[in-house]
Each structure stands twice: as structure tokens, then as C-alpha cells.
Amino acid sequence: MTFSILTYDKKTGVYAGAAATGSLCVGGWVLRGDIESGLCASQGTAPSTFWRDDAMRRLHGGAGAADVVAALTGEDTGRDHRQLAVLDKTGSTAGFTGAASVPYAGFIAAPEVIVAGNMIRSRGVLEAAAAAFATREGTPAERLVAALRAGEAAGSDVRGLQSAALLVLSPVAPPIDLRIDDSARPLDDLAALCAKVSAPPYATWLDEAPVAVDRSRAPRS
């Protein structure tokens, strides 16, 4: 139903994640993140918003990715129908795919990146998304869109795509949290929205908003 990617850049401190699905509202269901904690993606046939929110609470409390996944999946008797990917504040990753997930379903976890998917054409969707993010030049948002496009080209959600989302958290910039909730071409719409966010007047306004390294930032008088 969904494929997602979560990443961390130790040099810049940027957490960046994206997801796409053949149903509505993938951003609202799947992605969560916090600049002080990391990222998670909760997805599957019956995705748990409790996993998503509890994962962020545990990450904020200092738990590592593997411990978060073990705790949440171990408590839930419905876990066979769910999937979880977690990236903690150090860049460590962990994932879970329930036994009843619609094939192909799985994840690829490495330091600073995890890709996960279910009801996708094959593992190649995940491999293509990870490779595209690693090799694409540009901003984190541009690299995320490239990763989603590569996943789509490699087989995608078997139903096609209807929604897409991305989240970029930087210590020196306000959050970028973009969602295309219902579209015949969600990746094209997401790329277009990314371009608008990166250009004036919106980008100029972002330069005046508070950021992690300057929570008091405001327009100069």
C-alpha cells in the first residue's frame, strides 16, 4: 500500500523523510518527526497512529530505534497487519513488517537510512528509492522526490499512486511538511509544491521564522 524513506545527515543535522501510497492522505497517516528526536513511518494494511505517536514519544525520551520497534510491536496483538520504520536521533534505524502484510512487503535498514514498503511490486522498489536518494544531488526535498520517483519507476504501489508527502527537519531552517492528499499525479504535484516552497515569497518568509538554533528569530525591525 505504501513505500517510505527516512534519512539523516550527520554533517547537517537534517532529518528527511517521504512516503507515497495508492490511497488517500499518506502524510497524515504515515510520517512523523521531531528535530530533537528523529523520524518514524507507521504504515501497513491497518496502520497504527498509536505506533506513530508512541514512537515519537519514546524517541524524544532517548530510546534508540531498535528498542522503540521492539516495544511497540511486542505490545500489539494486531502487529501482523502493520509495518514500522524508525530512525533515531543518532541515525540508527530499525524496522518491522507484520507477517500478514500484503506482498511484496519488507524494509531495508542501514545507518542513517531506512526504506520500507508493503503491497509494492518487489524489493526493487525499496532498492531504487534508497539508491536514488544516495546519488541524487540537490536539496533534501529534491532528493526525497527523486527517491519516490525512482520507487514509482521500479514498480511502485501495485495500485499506482494517489498521495505523497515529505518532511524535512533542519536545525537551521523551519520544518518543511508537504502533503499531496489526493491526486492523479501526486509526485508531480509534490515536486511542484517543493519548488514553490523553495522560491520567494514563501522562502523569504521562512528566513524570518524561528529555527532550532535560533528560537527567537524574527523579522528585523
Protein backbone atom coordinates (compact mmCIF):
# COMPACT_ATOMS: atom_id res chain seq x y z
CA MET A 1 0.00 0.00 0.00
CA THR A 2 2.82 2.36 0.83
CA PHE A 3 6.53 2.89 0.45
CA SER A 4 8.55 5.29 2.55
CA ILE A 5 12.09 6.50 3.18
CA LEU A 6 13.62 8.02 6.33
CA THR A 7 17.10 9.60 6.31
CA TYR A 8 19.56 11.51 8.48
CA ASP A 9 22.60 13.60 7.51
CA LYS A 10 25.12 13.80 10.36
CA LYS A 11 27.00 16.68 8.71
CA THR A 12 24.00 18.99 8.53
CA GLY A 13 21.78 17.53 11.26
CA VAL A 14 18.90 17.26 8.77
CA TYR A 15 16.25 14.57 9.12
CA ALA A 16 14.32 13.96 5.90
CA GLY A 17 11.51 11.53 5.13
CA ALA A 18 8.95 10.86 2.43
CA ALA A 19 6.16 8.44 1.60
CA ALA A 20 3.77 7.59 -1.23
CA THR A 21 0.73 5.35 -1.47
CA GLY A 22 -2.13 4.23 -3.69
CA SER A 23 -4.66 5.61 -1.22
CA LEU A 24 -5.51 8.98 0.34
CA CYS A 25 -3.61 11.13 2.85
CA VAL A 26 -0.32 9.26 3.25
CA GLY A 27 1.34 12.16 5.08
CA GLY A 28 -1.28 12.35 7.77
CA TRP A 29 -1.21 8.60 8.35
CA VAL A 30 2.44 7.66 7.99
CA LEU A 31 5.12 10.28 8.64
CA ARG A 32 6.12 11.90 11.92
CA GLY A 33 9.34 13.58 13.04
CA ASP A 34 10.98 15.91 15.50
CA ILE A 35 14.28 17.79 15.12
CA GLU A 36 15.35 16.68 18.60
CA SER A 37 14.31 13.04 18.23
CA GLY A 38 14.27 11.58 14.72
CA LEU A 39 11.65 10.16 12.36
CA CYS A 40 9.18 7.33 12.07
CA ALA A 41 6.86 5.86 9.45
CA SER A 42 3.87 3.77 10.56
CA GLN A 43 2.13 2.06 7.67
CA GLY A 44 0.53 -1.21 6.57
CA THR A 45 -2.87 -2.77 5.88
CA ALA A 46 -4.15 -1.36 9.19
CA PRO A 47 -1.58 1.29 10.13
CA SER A 48 -1.43 2.32 13.76
CA THR A 49 -1.41 6.03 14.51
CA PHE A 50 -0.60 4.96 18.08
CA TRP A 51 2.64 3.37 16.89
CA ARG A 52 3.47 6.58 15.08
CA ASP A 53 2.81 8.85 18.05
CA ASP A 54 4.21 6.50 20.69
CA ALA A 55 7.38 6.05 18.64
CA MET A 56 7.98 9.80 18.68
CA ARG A 57 7.38 9.98 22.44
CA ARG A 58 9.87 7.20 23.07
CA LEU A 59 12.45 8.72 20.72
CA HIS A 60 12.09 12.08 22.45
CA GLY A 61 12.70 10.31 25.74
CA GLY A 62 16.01 8.98 24.45
CA ALA A 63 15.14 5.46 23.33
CA GLY A 64 17.00 4.03 20.36
CA ALA A 65 15.35 2.87 17.15
CA ALA A 66 15.63 -0.86 17.86
CA ASP A 67 14.19 -0.51 21.35
CA VAL A 68 11.28 1.58 20.04
CA VAL A 69 10.39 -1.01 17.41
CA ALA A 70 10.66 -3.90 19.86
CA ALA A 71 8.50 -2.17 22.46
CA LEU A 72 5.70 -1.09 20.14
CA THR A 73 5.44 -4.24 18.06
CA GLY A 74 5.67 -6.52 21.08
CA GLU A 75 2.68 -4.91 22.79
CA ASP A 76 0.25 -5.01 19.84
CA THR A 77 -1.67 -8.19 19.02
CA GLY A 78 -2.62 -6.63 15.66
CA ARG A 79 1.02 -6.20 14.65
CA ASP A 80 0.83 -8.75 11.82
CA HIS A 81 -1.14 -6.18 9.76
CA ARG A 82 1.24 -3.30 10.36
CA GLN A 83 4.67 -2.02 9.37
CA LEU A 84 7.00 0.35 11.19
CA ALA A 85 10.24 2.15 10.33
CA VAL A 86 12.16 4.22 12.89
CA LEU A 87 15.23 6.44 12.66
CA ASP A 88 16.54 7.81 15.95
CA LYS A 89 18.48 10.98 16.78
CA THR A 90 21.84 9.27 16.23
CA GLY A 91 20.87 7.97 12.79
CA SER A 92 20.37 4.37 13.90
CA THR A 93 17.46 2.61 12.19
CA ALA A 94 15.14 -0.33 12.79
CA GLY A 95 12.03 -1.72 11.16
CA PHE A 96 9.23 -4.25 11.44
CA THR A 97 6.99 -5.90 8.86
CA GLY A 98 3.96 -7.83 10.08
CA ALA A 99 3.53 -11.41 8.92
CA ALA A 100 0.14 -10.66 7.32
CA SER A 101 1.43 -7.70 5.27
CA VAL A 102 0.38 -7.76 1.62
CA PRO A 103 3.36 -8.78 -0.55
CA TYR A 104 5.76 -7.61 -1.50
CA ALA A 105 6.41 -6.22 1.96
CA GLY A 106 9.72 -5.54 3.67
CA PHE A 107 12.32 -2.98 4.60
CA ILE A 108 15.99 -2.19 4.10
CA ALA A 109 17.71 -0.65 7.12
CA ALA A 110 21.18 0.87 7.16
CA PRO A 111 22.88 3.58 9.22
CA GLU A 112 21.12 6.91 8.55
CA VAL A 113 18.55 5.48 6.11
CA ILE A 114 15.64 3.06 6.14
CA VAL A 115 13.19 2.32 3.33
CA ALA A 116 10.03 0.27 3.85
CA GLY A 117 7.08 -0.81 1.77
CA ASN A 118 4.07 -3.07 1.53
CA MET A 119 1.83 -4.01 -1.41
CA ILE A 120 4.64 -2.90 -3.68
CA ARG A 121 5.81 -4.64 -6.84
CA SER A 122 9.06 -6.01 -5.41
CA ARG A 123 12.05 -5.33 -3.17
CA GLY A 124 13.42 -3.42 -6.16
CA VAL A 125 11.09 -0.52 -5.29
CA LEU A 126 12.94 -0.07 -1.98
CA GLU A 127 16.36 -0.54 -3.52
CA ALA A 128 15.63 2.03 -6.21
CA ALA A 129 14.36 4.61 -3.73
CA ALA A 130 17.39 4.23 -1.48
CA ALA A 131 19.82 4.40 -4.40
CA ALA A 132 18.19 7.50 -5.85
CA PHE A 133 18.37 9.38 -2.56
CA ALA A 134 22.02 8.41 -2.12
CA THR A 135 23.11 9.51 -5.58
CA ARG A 136 20.84 12.47 -6.34
CA GLU A 137 22.35 15.95 -5.98
CA GLY A 138 20.26 18.78 -4.58
CA THR A 139 18.33 19.78 -1.51
CA PRO A 140 16.91 17.14 0.84
CA ALA A 141 13.44 17.77 -0.58
CA GLU A 142 14.65 17.32 -4.15
CA ARG A 143 16.41 14.11 -3.18
CA LEU A 144 13.29 12.80 -1.48
CA VAL A 145 11.17 13.46 -4.56
CA ALA A 146 13.81 11.69 -6.65
CA ALA A 147 13.64 8.71 -4.29
CA LEU A 148 9.86 8.50 -4.61
CA ARG A 149 10.05 8.79 -8.38
CA ALA A 150 12.63 6.01 -8.52
CA GLY A 151 10.42 3.81 -6.38
CA GLU A 152 7.48 4.51 -8.64
CA ALA A 153 9.50 3.68 -11.75
CA ALA A 154 10.71 0.42 -10.19
CA GLY A 155 7.16 -0.87 -9.63
CA SER A 156 5.54 1.37 -7.04
CA ASP A 157 2.45 0.53 -5.01
CA VAL A 158 0.78 -2.10 -7.18
CA ARG A 159 -2.35 0.10 -7.40
CA GLY A 160 -0.43 3.14 -8.60
CA LEU A 161 -0.09 6.30 -6.51
CA GLN A 162 -2.75 8.66 -5.16
CA SER A 163 -0.99 10.63 -2.41
CA ALA A 164 2.54 11.60 -1.40
CA ALA A 165 4.25 13.55 1.35
CA LEU A 166 7.63 14.69 2.57
CA LEU A 167 9.05 16.08 5.79
CA VAL A 168 12.37 17.91 6.15
CA LEU A 169 13.64 18.94 9.59
CA SER A 170 16.75 21.11 9.76
CA PRO A 171 18.41 22.85 12.72
CA VAL A 172 18.89 25.98 10.61
CA ALA A 173 15.56 26.16 8.75
CA PRO A 174 11.86 25.86 9.61
CA PRO A 175 10.22 22.46 9.00
CA ILE A 176 9.05 21.63 5.52
CA ASP A 177 5.98 19.39 5.86
CA LEU A 178 4.29 18.91 2.49
CA ARG A 179 1.31 16.71 1.64
CA ILE A 180 -0.50 15.87 -1.57
CA ASP A 181 -3.56 14.07 -0.26
CA ASP A 182 -5.44 13.18 -3.45
CA SER A 183 -4.04 13.44 -6.96
CA ALA A 184 -3.80 11.52 -10.20
CA ARG A 185 -0.12 12.52 -10.31
CA PRO A 186 0.94 13.06 -6.69
CA LEU A 187 4.69 13.03 -7.30
CA ASP A 188 4.42 15.74 -9.96
CA ASP A 189 2.29 17.81 -7.61
CA LEU A 190 4.72 17.23 -4.73
CA ALA A 191 7.66 18.33 -6.87
CA ALA A 192 5.78 21.46 -7.93
CA LEU A 193 4.93 22.29 -4.33
CA CYS A 194 8.57 21.80 -3.32
CA ALA A 195 9.61 24.29 -5.98
CA LYS A 196 7.12 26.87 -4.71
CA VAL A 197 8.26 26.44 -1.12
CA SER A 198 11.88 26.97 -2.18
CA ALA A 199 11.20 30.22 -4.05
CA PRO A 200 10.16 33.74 -2.96
CA PRO A 201 7.97 34.95 -1.44
CA TYR A 202 7.48 31.84 0.68
CA ALA A 203 11.20 31.09 1.04
CA THR A 204 11.87 34.71 2.02
CA TRP A 205 9.29 34.45 4.76
CA LEU A 206 10.86 31.21 6.01
CA ASP A 207 14.11 33.10 6.55
CA GLU A 208 12.38 35.10 9.30
CA ALA A 209 10.78 32.20 11.20
CA PRO A 210 12.27 30.61 14.35
CA VAL A 211 14.63 27.66 13.93
CA ALA A 212 16.25 25.15 16.29
CA VAL A 213 19.48 27.13 16.52
CA ASP A 214 17.65 30.46 16.97
CA ARG A 215 14.23 30.05 18.55
CA SER A 216 13.87 33.79 18.93
CA ARG A 217 14.45 34.63 15.27
CA ALA A 218 12.03 37.22 13.88
CA PRO A 219 11.94 39.95 11.21
CA ARG A 220 14.47 42.69 11.69
CA SER A 221 12.90 45.96 12.71
